[in-house]
Amino acid sequence: TSGLTFTDVAMGWFRQAPGKKREGV
C-alpha cells in the first residue's frame, strides 16, 4: 500500500468468485 494511514485503519482480505459477492476472509 501507499498513501494510506495505517495507525488508525483496519485491513481486510476478501474473496470473490465469478458471479458471487465478496466474502470476508
mmCIF file of all heavy atoms, coordinates in Angstrom:
data_MODEL
# 
_entry.id   MODEL 
# 
loop_
_atom_site.group_PDB 
_atom_site.id 
_atom_site.type_symbol 
_atom_site.label_atom_id 
_atom_site.label_alt_id 
_atom_site.label_comp_id 
_atom_site.label_asym_id 
_atom_site.label_entity_id 
_atom_site.label_seq_id 
_atom_site.pdbx_PDB_ins_code 
_atom_site.Cartn_x 
_atom_site.Cartn_y 
_atom_site.Cartn_z 
_atom_site.occupancy 
_atom_site.B_iso_or_equiv 
_atom_site.pdbx_formal_charge 
_atom_site.auth_seq_id 
_atom_site.auth_comp_id 
_atom_site.auth_asym_id 
_atom_site.auth_atom_id 
_atom_site.pdbx_PDB_model_num 
ATOM 1   N N   . THR A 1 1  ? 0.819   -1.203  0.000   1.00 0.00 ? 1  THR A N   1 
ATOM 2   C CA  . THR A 1 1  ? 0.000   0.000   0.000   1.00 0.00 ? 1  THR A CA  1 
ATOM 3   C C   . THR A 1 1  ? 0.857   1.259   0.000   1.00 0.00 ? 1  THR A C   1 
ATOM 4   O O   . THR A 1 1  ? 2.016   1.247   0.397   1.00 0.00 ? 1  THR A O   1 
ATOM 5   C CB  . THR A 1 1  ? -0.930  0.051   1.221   1.00 0.00 ? 1  THR A CB  1 
ATOM 6   O OG1 . THR A 1 1  ? -0.152  0.195   2.414   1.00 0.00 ? 1  THR A OG1 1 
ATOM 7   C CG2 . THR A 1 1  ? -1.751  -1.231  1.324   1.00 0.00 ? 1  THR A CG2 1 
ATOM 8   N N   . SER A 1 2  ? 0.255   2.348   -0.444  1.00 0.00 ? 2  SER A N   1 
ATOM 9   C CA  . SER A 1 2  ? 0.870   3.661   -0.384  1.00 0.00 ? 2  SER A CA  1 
ATOM 10  C C   . SER A 1 2  ? -0.234  4.697   -0.262  1.00 0.00 ? 2  SER A C   1 
ATOM 11  O O   . SER A 1 2  ? -1.341  4.497   -0.761  1.00 0.00 ? 2  SER A O   1 
ATOM 12  C CB  . SER A 1 2  ? 1.739   3.942   -1.607  1.00 0.00 ? 2  SER A CB  1 
ATOM 13  O OG  . SER A 1 2  ? 0.956   3.961   -2.795  1.00 0.00 ? 2  SER A OG  1 
ATOM 14  N N   . GLY A 1 3  ? 0.070   5.794   0.388   1.00 0.00 ? 3  GLY A N   1 
ATOM 15  C CA  . GLY A 1 3  ? -0.897  6.859   0.544   1.00 0.00 ? 3  GLY A CA  1 
ATOM 16  C C   . GLY A 1 3  ? -1.984  6.580   1.564   1.00 0.00 ? 3  GLY A C   1 
ATOM 17  O O   . GLY A 1 3  ? -3.002  7.287   1.585   1.00 0.00 ? 3  GLY A O   1 
ATOM 18  N N   . LEU A 1 4  ? -1.795  5.574   2.407   1.00 0.00 ? 4  LEU A N   1 
ATOM 19  C CA  . LEU A 1 4  ? -2.773  5.222   3.426   1.00 0.00 ? 4  LEU A CA  1 
ATOM 20  C C   . LEU A 1 4  ? -2.206  5.472   4.813   1.00 0.00 ? 4  LEU A C   1 
ATOM 21  O O   . LEU A 1 4  ? -0.994  5.414   5.017   1.00 0.00 ? 4  LEU A O   1 
ATOM 22  C CB  . LEU A 1 4  ? -3.183  3.758   3.316   1.00 0.00 ? 4  LEU A CB  1 
ATOM 23  C CG  . LEU A 1 4  ? -3.857  3.309   2.024   1.00 0.00 ? 4  LEU A CG  1 
ATOM 24  C CD1 . LEU A 1 4  ? -4.079  1.807   2.058   1.00 0.00 ? 4  LEU A CD1 1 
ATOM 25  C CD2 . LEU A 1 4  ? -5.169  4.035   1.821   1.00 0.00 ? 4  LEU A CD2 1 
ATOM 26  N N   . THR A 1 5  ? -3.092  5.746   5.743   1.00 0.00 ? 5  THR A N   1 
ATOM 27  C CA  . THR A 1 5  ? -2.710  5.911   7.136   1.00 0.00 ? 5  THR A CA  1 
ATOM 28  C C   . THR A 1 5  ? -2.974  4.609   7.868   1.00 0.00 ? 5  THR A C   1 
ATOM 29  O O   . THR A 1 5  ? -4.125  4.185   7.990   1.00 0.00 ? 5  THR A O   1 
ATOM 30  C CB  . THR A 1 5  ? -3.486  7.054   7.799   1.00 0.00 ? 5  THR A CB  1 
ATOM 31  O OG1 . THR A 1 5  ? -3.244  8.274   7.100   1.00 0.00 ? 5  THR A OG1 1 
ATOM 32  C CG2 . THR A 1 5  ? -3.048  7.219   9.247   1.00 0.00 ? 5  THR A CG2 1 
ATOM 33  N N   . PHE A 1 6  ? -1.920  3.971   8.358   1.00 0.00 ? 6  PHE A N   1 
ATOM 34  C CA  . PHE A 1 6  ? -2.056  2.668   8.987   1.00 0.00 ? 6  PHE A CA  1 
ATOM 35  C C   . PHE A 1 6  ? -2.119  2.706   10.502  1.00 0.00 ? 6  PHE A C   1 
ATOM 36  O O   . PHE A 1 6  ? -2.263  1.660   11.135  1.00 0.00 ? 6  PHE A O   1 
ATOM 37  C CB  . PHE A 1 6  ? -0.914  1.752   8.540   1.00 0.00 ? 6  PHE A CB  1 
ATOM 38  C CG  . PHE A 1 6  ? -1.062  1.275   7.134   1.00 0.00 ? 6  PHE A CG  1 
ATOM 39  C CD1 . PHE A 1 6  ? -0.521  1.991   6.085   1.00 0.00 ? 6  PHE A CD1 1 
ATOM 40  C CD2 . PHE A 1 6  ? -1.776  0.118   6.855   1.00 0.00 ? 6  PHE A CD2 1 
ATOM 41  C CE1 . PHE A 1 6  ? -0.677  1.561   4.778   1.00 0.00 ? 6  PHE A CE1 1 
ATOM 42  C CE2 . PHE A 1 6  ? -1.934  -0.318  5.556   1.00 0.00 ? 6  PHE A CE2 1 
ATOM 43  C CZ  . PHE A 1 6  ? -1.382  0.411   4.511   1.00 0.00 ? 6  PHE A CZ  1 
ATOM 44  N N   . THR A 1 7  ? -2.036  3.882   11.069  1.00 0.00 ? 7  THR A N   1 
ATOM 45  C CA  . THR A 1 7  ? -2.118  3.987   12.514  1.00 0.00 ? 7  THR A CA  1 
ATOM 46  C C   . THR A 1 7  ? -3.553  3.963   13.014  1.00 0.00 ? 7  THR A C   1 
ATOM 47  O O   . THR A 1 7  ? -3.791  3.736   14.201  1.00 0.00 ? 7  THR A O   1 
ATOM 48  C CB  . THR A 1 7  ? -1.428  5.269   13.009  1.00 0.00 ? 7  THR A CB  1 
ATOM 49  O OG1 . THR A 1 7  ? -2.031  6.416   12.389  1.00 0.00 ? 7  THR A OG1 1 
ATOM 50  C CG2 . THR A 1 7  ? 0.059   5.244   12.677  1.00 0.00 ? 7  THR A CG2 1 
ATOM 51  N N   . ASP A 1 8  ? -4.501  4.174   12.120  1.00 0.00 ? 8  ASP A N   1 
ATOM 52  C CA  . ASP A 1 8  ? -5.899  4.244   12.533  1.00 0.00 ? 8  ASP A CA  1 
ATOM 53  C C   . ASP A 1 8  ? -6.839  3.505   11.588  1.00 0.00 ? 8  ASP A C   1 
ATOM 54  O O   . ASP A 1 8  ? -8.001  3.871   11.454  1.00 0.00 ? 8  ASP A O   1 
ATOM 55  C CB  . ASP A 1 8  ? -6.336  5.701   12.670  1.00 0.00 ? 8  ASP A CB  1 
ATOM 56  C CG  . ASP A 1 8  ? -6.221  6.477   11.369  1.00 0.00 ? 8  ASP A CG  1 
ATOM 57  O OD1 . ASP A 1 8  ? -5.648  5.949   10.402  1.00 0.00 ? 8  ASP A OD1 1 
ATOM 58  O OD2 . ASP A 1 8  ? -6.716  7.617   11.320  1.00 0.00 ? 8  ASP A OD2 1 
ATOM 59  N N   . VAL A 1 9  ? -6.354  2.460   10.928  1.00 0.00 ? 9  VAL A N   1 
ATOM 60  C CA  . VAL A 1 9  ? -7.175  1.697   9.997   1.00 0.00 ? 9  VAL A CA  1 
ATOM 61  C C   . VAL A 1 9  ? -7.078  0.202   10.280  1.00 0.00 ? 9  VAL A C   1 
ATOM 62  O O   . VAL A 1 9  ? -6.171  -0.262  10.962  1.00 0.00 ? 9  VAL A O   1 
ATOM 63  C CB  . VAL A 1 9  ? -6.782  1.953   8.526   1.00 0.00 ? 9  VAL A CB  1 
ATOM 64  C CG1 . VAL A 1 9  ? -6.892  3.428   8.190   1.00 0.00 ? 9  VAL A CG1 1 
ATOM 65  C CG2 . VAL A 1 9  ? -5.376  1.435   8.243   1.00 0.00 ? 9  VAL A CG2 1 
ATOM 66  N N   . ALA A 1 10 ? -8.046  -0.516  9.749   1.00 0.00 ? 10 ALA A N   1 
ATOM 67  C CA  . ALA A 1 10 ? -8.004  -1.962  9.722   1.00 0.00 ? 10 ALA A CA  1 
ATOM 68  C C   . ALA A 1 10 ? -7.885  -2.396  8.272   1.00 0.00 ? 10 ALA A C   1 
ATOM 69  O O   . ALA A 1 10 ? -8.386  -1.718  7.372   1.00 0.00 ? 10 ALA A O   1 
ATOM 70  C CB  . ALA A 1 10 ? -9.257  -2.559  10.355  1.00 0.00 ? 10 ALA A CB  1 
ATOM 71  N N   . MET A 1 11 ? -7.221  -3.507  8.034   1.00 0.00 ? 11 MET A N   1 
ATOM 72  C CA  . MET A 1 11 ? -7.047  -4.038  6.692   1.00 0.00 ? 11 MET A CA  1 
ATOM 73  C C   . MET A 1 11 ? -7.672  -5.421  6.611   1.00 0.00 ? 11 MET A C   1 
ATOM 74  O O   . MET A 1 11 ? -7.506  -6.231  7.516   1.00 0.00 ? 11 MET A O   1 
ATOM 75  C CB  . MET A 1 11 ? -5.569  -4.121  6.326   1.00 0.00 ? 11 MET A CB  1 
ATOM 76  C CG  . MET A 1 11 ? -4.855  -2.781  6.250   1.00 0.00 ? 11 MET A CG  1 
ATOM 77  S SD  . MET A 1 11 ? -5.400  -1.769  4.838   1.00 0.00 ? 11 MET A SD  1 
ATOM 78  C CE  . MET A 1 11 ? -4.866  -2.781  3.450   1.00 0.00 ? 11 MET A CE  1 
ATOM 79  N N   . GLY A 1 12 ? -8.376  -5.671  5.519   1.00 0.00 ? 12 GLY A N   1 
ATOM 80  C CA  . GLY A 1 12 ? -9.050  -6.946  5.358   1.00 0.00 ? 12 GLY A CA  1 
ATOM 81  C C   . GLY A 1 12 ? -8.761  -7.607  4.025   1.00 0.00 ? 12 GLY A C   1 
ATOM 82  O O   . GLY A 1 12 ? -8.458  -6.942  3.035   1.00 0.00 ? 12 GLY A O   1 
ATOM 83  N N   . TRP A 1 13 ? -8.836  -8.924  4.026   1.00 0.00 ? 13 TRP A N   1 
ATOM 84  C CA  . TRP A 1 13 ? -8.750  -9.729  2.811   1.00 0.00 ? 13 TRP A CA  1 
ATOM 85  C C   . TRP A 1 13 ? -10.138 -10.264 2.489   1.00 0.00 ? 13 TRP A C   1 
ATOM 86  O O   . TRP A 1 13 ? -10.825 -10.791 3.366   1.00 0.00 ? 13 TRP A O   1 
ATOM 87  C CB  . TRP A 1 13 ? -7.794  -10.905 2.986   1.00 0.00 ? 13 TRP A CB  1 
ATOM 88  C CG  . TRP A 1 13 ? -6.337  -10.557 2.942   1.00 0.00 ? 13 TRP A CG  1 
ATOM 89  C CD1 . TRP A 1 13 ? -5.492  -10.423 3.996   1.00 0.00 ? 13 TRP A CD1 1 
ATOM 90  C CD2 . TRP A 1 13 ? -5.552  -10.325 1.776   1.00 0.00 ? 13 TRP A CD2 1 
ATOM 91  N NE1 . TRP A 1 13 ? -4.228  -10.120 3.562   1.00 0.00 ? 13 TRP A NE1 1 
ATOM 92  C CE2 . TRP A 1 13 ? -4.232  -10.050 2.196   1.00 0.00 ? 13 TRP A CE2 1 
ATOM 93  C CE3 . TRP A 1 13 ? -5.828  -10.322 0.400   1.00 0.00 ? 13 TRP A CE3 1 
ATOM 94  C CZ2 . TRP A 1 13 ? -3.198  -9.777  1.297   1.00 0.00 ? 13 TRP A CZ2 1 
ATOM 95  C CZ3 . TRP A 1 13 ? -4.802  -10.046 -0.487  1.00 0.00 ? 13 TRP A CZ3 1 
ATOM 96  C CH2 . TRP A 1 13 ? -3.512  -9.782  -0.032  1.00 0.00 ? 13 TRP A CH2 1 
ATOM 97  N N   . PHE A 1 14 ? -10.528 -10.176 1.221   1.00 0.00 ? 14 PHE A N   1 
ATOM 98  C CA  . PHE A 1 14 ? -11.818 -10.659 0.766   1.00 0.00 ? 14 PHE A CA  1 
ATOM 99  C C   . PHE A 1 14 ? -11.632 -11.563 -0.437  1.00 0.00 ? 14 PHE A C   1 
ATOM 100 O O   . PHE A 1 14 ? -10.704 -11.391 -1.218  1.00 0.00 ? 14 PHE A O   1 
ATOM 101 C CB  . PHE A 1 14 ? -12.741 -9.491  0.405   1.00 0.00 ? 14 PHE A CB  1 
ATOM 102 C CG  . PHE A 1 14 ? -13.190 -8.690  1.590   1.00 0.00 ? 14 PHE A CG  1 
ATOM 103 C CD1 . PHE A 1 14 ? -12.357 -7.749  2.173   1.00 0.00 ? 14 PHE A CD1 1 
ATOM 104 C CD2 . PHE A 1 14 ? -14.453 -8.886  2.132   1.00 0.00 ? 14 PHE A CD2 1 
ATOM 105 C CE1 . PHE A 1 14 ? -12.770 -7.021  3.271   1.00 0.00 ? 14 PHE A CE1 1 
ATOM 106 C CE2 . PHE A 1 14 ? -14.877 -8.155  3.230   1.00 0.00 ? 14 PHE A CE2 1 
ATOM 107 C CZ  . PHE A 1 14 ? -14.030 -7.219  3.802   1.00 0.00 ? 14 PHE A CZ  1 
ATOM 108 N N   . ARG A 1 15 ? -12.534 -12.512 -0.587  1.00 0.00 ? 15 ARG A N   1 
ATOM 109 C CA  . ARG A 1 15 ? -12.514 -13.425 -1.711  1.00 0.00 ? 15 ARG A CA  1 
ATOM 110 C C   . ARG A 1 15 ? -13.800 -13.262 -2.507  1.00 0.00 ? 15 ARG A C   1 
ATOM 111 O O   . ARG A 1 15 ? -14.877 -13.145 -1.940  1.00 0.00 ? 15 ARG A O   1 
ATOM 112 C CB  . ARG A 1 15 ? -12.391 -14.876 -1.233  1.00 0.00 ? 15 ARG A CB  1 
ATOM 113 C CG  . ARG A 1 15 ? -12.374 -15.919 -2.357  1.00 0.00 ? 15 ARG A CG  1 
ATOM 114 C CD  . ARG A 1 15 ? -12.353 -17.334 -1.789  1.00 0.00 ? 15 ARG A CD  1 
ATOM 115 N NE  . ARG A 1 15 ? -13.589 -17.657 -1.104  1.00 0.00 ? 15 ARG A NE  1 
ATOM 116 C CZ  . ARG A 1 15 ? -14.666 -18.154 -1.693  1.00 0.00 ? 15 ARG A CZ  1 
ATOM 117 N NH1 . ARG A 1 15 ? -14.649 -18.398 -3.006  1.00 0.00 ? 15 ARG A NH1 1 
ATOM 118 N NH2 . ARG A 1 15 ? -15.750 -18.419 -0.984  1.00 0.00 ? 15 ARG A NH2 1 
ATOM 119 N N   . GLN A 1 16 ? -13.683 -13.306 -3.831  1.00 0.00 ? 16 GLN A N   1 
ATOM 120 C CA  . GLN A 1 16 ? -14.846 -13.217 -4.694  1.00 0.00 ? 16 GLN A CA  1 
ATOM 121 C C   . GLN A 1 16 ? -14.725 -14.209 -5.842  1.00 0.00 ? 16 GLN A C   1 
ATOM 122 O O   . GLN A 1 16 ? -13.752 -14.183 -6.587  1.00 0.00 ? 16 GLN A O   1 
ATOM 123 C CB  . GLN A 1 16 ? -15.022 -11.808 -5.250  1.00 0.00 ? 16 GLN A CB  1 
ATOM 124 C CG  . GLN A 1 16 ? -16.291 -11.627 -6.070  1.00 0.00 ? 16 GLN A CG  1 
ATOM 125 C CD  . GLN A 1 16 ? -16.529 -10.185 -6.475  1.00 0.00 ? 16 GLN A CD  1 
ATOM 126 O OE1 . GLN A 1 16 ? -15.583 -9.432  -6.684  1.00 0.00 ? 16 GLN A OE1 1 
ATOM 127 N NE2 . GLN A 1 16 ? -17.789 -9.814  -6.587  1.00 0.00 ? 16 GLN A NE2 1 
ATOM 128 N N   . ALA A 1 17 ? -15.712 -15.076 -5.964  1.00 0.00 ? 17 ALA A N   1 
ATOM 129 C CA  . ALA A 1 17 ? -15.790 -15.999 -7.079  1.00 0.00 ? 17 ALA A CA  1 
ATOM 130 C C   . ALA A 1 17 ? -16.650 -15.375 -8.169  1.00 0.00 ? 17 ALA A C   1 
ATOM 131 O O   . ALA A 1 17 ? -17.485 -14.512 -7.884  1.00 0.00 ? 17 ALA A O   1 
ATOM 132 C CB  . ALA A 1 17 ? -16.383 -17.332 -6.632  1.00 0.00 ? 17 ALA A CB  1 
ATOM 133 N N   . PRO A 1 18 ? -16.471 -15.771 -9.431  1.00 0.00 ? 18 PRO A N   1 
ATOM 134 C CA  . PRO A 1 18 ? -17.279 -15.206 -10.521 1.00 0.00 ? 18 PRO A CA  1 
ATOM 135 C C   . PRO A 1 18 ? -18.771 -15.321 -10.239 1.00 0.00 ? 18 PRO A C   1 
ATOM 136 O O   . PRO A 1 18 ? -19.266 -16.394 -9.904  1.00 0.00 ? 18 PRO A O   1 
ATOM 137 C CB  . PRO A 1 18 ? -16.867 -16.046 -11.729 1.00 0.00 ? 18 PRO A CB  1 
ATOM 138 C CG  . PRO A 1 18 ? -15.474 -16.482 -11.418 1.00 0.00 ? 18 PRO A CG  1 
ATOM 139 C CD  . PRO A 1 18 ? -15.487 -16.733 -9.939  1.00 0.00 ? 18 PRO A CD  1 
ATOM 140 N N   . GLY A 1 19 ? -19.485 -14.206 -10.377 1.00 0.00 ? 19 GLY A N   1 
ATOM 141 C CA  . GLY A 1 19 ? -20.919 -14.199 -10.144 1.00 0.00 ? 19 GLY A CA  1 
ATOM 142 C C   . GLY A 1 19 ? -21.323 -14.196 -8.690  1.00 0.00 ? 19 GLY A C   1 
ATOM 143 O O   . GLY A 1 19 ? -22.522 -14.231 -8.388  1.00 0.00 ? 19 GLY A O   1 
ATOM 144 N N   . LYS A 1 20 ? -20.357 -14.152 -7.779  1.00 0.00 ? 20 LYS A N   1 
ATOM 145 C CA  . LYS A 1 20 ? -20.645 -14.167 -6.353  1.00 0.00 ? 20 LYS A CA  1 
ATOM 146 C C   . LYS A 1 20 ? -20.227 -12.854 -5.709  1.00 0.00 ? 20 LYS A C   1 
ATOM 147 O O   . LYS A 1 20 ? -19.423 -12.105 -6.251  1.00 0.00 ? 20 LYS A O   1 
ATOM 148 C CB  . LYS A 1 20 ? -19.908 -15.322 -5.663  1.00 0.00 ? 20 LYS A CB  1 
ATOM 149 C CG  . LYS A 1 20 ? -20.254 -16.701 -6.200  1.00 0.00 ? 20 LYS A CG  1 
ATOM 150 C CD  . LYS A 1 20 ? -21.672 -17.089 -5.849  1.00 0.00 ? 20 LYS A CD  1 
ATOM 151 C CE  . LYS A 1 20 ? -21.957 -18.518 -6.272  1.00 0.00 ? 20 LYS A CE  1 
ATOM 152 N NZ  . LYS A 1 20 ? -23.330 -18.934 -5.894  1.00 0.00 ? 20 LYS A NZ  1 
ATOM 153 N N   . LYS A 1 21 ? -20.778 -12.588 -4.547  1.00 0.00 ? 21 LYS A N   1 
ATOM 154 C CA  . LYS A 1 21 ? -20.415 -11.402 -3.791  1.00 0.00 ? 21 LYS A CA  1 
ATOM 155 C C   . LYS A 1 21 ? -19.124 -11.637 -3.030  1.00 0.00 ? 21 LYS A C   1 
ATOM 156 O O   . LYS A 1 21 ? -18.738 -12.771 -2.763  1.00 0.00 ? 21 LYS A O   1 
ATOM 157 C CB  . LYS A 1 21 ? -21.531 -11.022 -2.823  1.00 0.00 ? 21 LYS A CB  1 
ATOM 158 C CG  . LYS A 1 21 ? -22.852 -10.669 -3.490  1.00 0.00 ? 21 LYS A CG  1 
ATOM 159 C CD  . LYS A 1 21 ? -23.884 -10.234 -2.469  1.00 0.00 ? 21 LYS A CD  1 
ATOM 160 C CE  . LYS A 1 21 ? -25.210 -9.900  -3.135  1.00 0.00 ? 21 LYS A CE  1 
ATOM 161 N NZ  . LYS A 1 21 ? -25.079 -8.760  -4.057  1.00 0.00 ? 21 LYS A NZ  1 
ATOM 162 N N   . ARG A 1 22 ? -18.470 -10.555 -2.683  1.00 0.00 ? 22 ARG A N   1 
ATOM 163 C CA  . ARG A 1 22 ? -17.258 -10.646 -1.892  1.00 0.00 ? 22 ARG A CA  1 
ATOM 164 C C   . ARG A 1 22 ? -17.549 -11.193 -0.503  1.00 0.00 ? 22 ARG A C   1 
ATOM 165 O O   . ARG A 1 22 ? -18.550 -10.838 0.115   1.00 0.00 ? 22 ARG A O   1 
ATOM 166 C CB  . ARG A 1 22 ? -16.614 -9.268  -1.763  1.00 0.00 ? 22 ARG A CB  1 
ATOM 167 C CG  . ARG A 1 22 ? -15.804 -8.842  -2.964  1.00 0.00 ? 22 ARG A CG  1 
ATOM 168 C CD  . ARG A 1 22 ? -15.363 -7.415  -2.831  1.00 0.00 ? 22 ARG A CD  1 
ATOM 169 N NE  . ARG A 1 22 ? -14.349 -7.076  -3.819  1.00 0.00 ? 22 ARG A NE  1 
ATOM 170 C CZ  . ARG A 1 22 ? -14.094 -5.857  -4.229  1.00 0.00 ? 22 ARG A CZ  1 
ATOM 171 N NH1 . ARG A 1 22 ? -14.780 -4.831  -3.738  1.00 0.00 ? 22 ARG A NH1 1 
ATOM 172 N NH2 . ARG A 1 22 ? -13.143 -5.636  -5.132  1.00 0.00 ? 22 ARG A NH2 1 
ATOM 173 N N   . GLU A 1 23 ? -16.661 -12.055 -0.027  1.00 0.00 ? 23 GLU A N   1 
ATOM 174 C CA  . GLU A 1 23 ? -16.781 -12.629 1.300   1.00 0.00 ? 23 GLU A CA  1 
ATOM 175 C C   . GLU A 1 23 ? -15.531 -12.298 2.109   1.00 0.00 ? 23 GLU A C   1 
ATOM 176 O O   . GLU A 1 23 ? -14.420 -12.379 1.606   1.00 0.00 ? 23 GLU A O   1 
ATOM 177 C CB  . GLU A 1 23 ? -16.948 -14.150 1.236   1.00 0.00 ? 23 GLU A CB  1 
ATOM 178 C CG  . GLU A 1 23 ? -18.207 -14.603 0.519   1.00 0.00 ? 23 GLU A CG  1 
ATOM 179 C CD  . GLU A 1 23 ? -18.346 -16.108 0.500   1.00 0.00 ? 23 GLU A CD  1 
ATOM 180 O OE1 . GLU A 1 23 ? -17.368 -16.806 0.817   1.00 0.00 ? 23 GLU A OE1 1 
ATOM 181 O OE2 . GLU A 1 23 ? -19.452 -16.582 0.172   1.00 0.00 ? 23 GLU A OE2 1 
ATOM 182 N N   . GLY A 1 24 ? -15.746 -11.934 3.350   1.00 0.00 ? 24 GLY A N   1 
ATOM 183 C CA  . GLY A 1 24 ? -14.628 -11.626 4.219   1.00 0.00 ? 24 GLY A CA  1 
ATOM 184 C C   . GLY A 1 24 ? -13.835 -12.872 4.558   1.00 0.00 ? 24 GLY A C   1 
ATOM 185 O O   . GLY A 1 24 ? -14.404 -13.893 4.951   1.00 0.00 ? 24 GLY A O   1 
ATOM 186 N N   . VAL A 1 25 ? -12.521 -12.794 4.426   1.00 0.00 ? 25 VAL A N   1 
ATOM 187 C CA  . VAL A 1 25 ? -11.625 -13.901 4.736   1.00 0.00 ? 25 VAL A CA  1 
ATOM 188 C C   . VAL A 1 25 ? -10.918 -13.665 6.065   1.00 0.00 ? 25 VAL A C   1 
ATOM 189 O O   . VAL A 1 25 ? -10.898 -14.535 6.937   1.00 0.00 ? 25 VAL A O   1 
ATOM 190 C CB  . VAL A 1 25 ? -10.588 -14.114 3.619   1.00 0.00 ? 25 VAL A CB  1 
ATOM 191 C CG1 . VAL A 1 25 ? -9.606  -15.216 3.998   1.00 0.00 ? 25 VAL A CG1 1 
ATOM 192 C CG2 . VAL A 1 25 ? -11.284 -14.432 2.305   1.00 0.00 ? 25 VAL A CG2 1 
# 
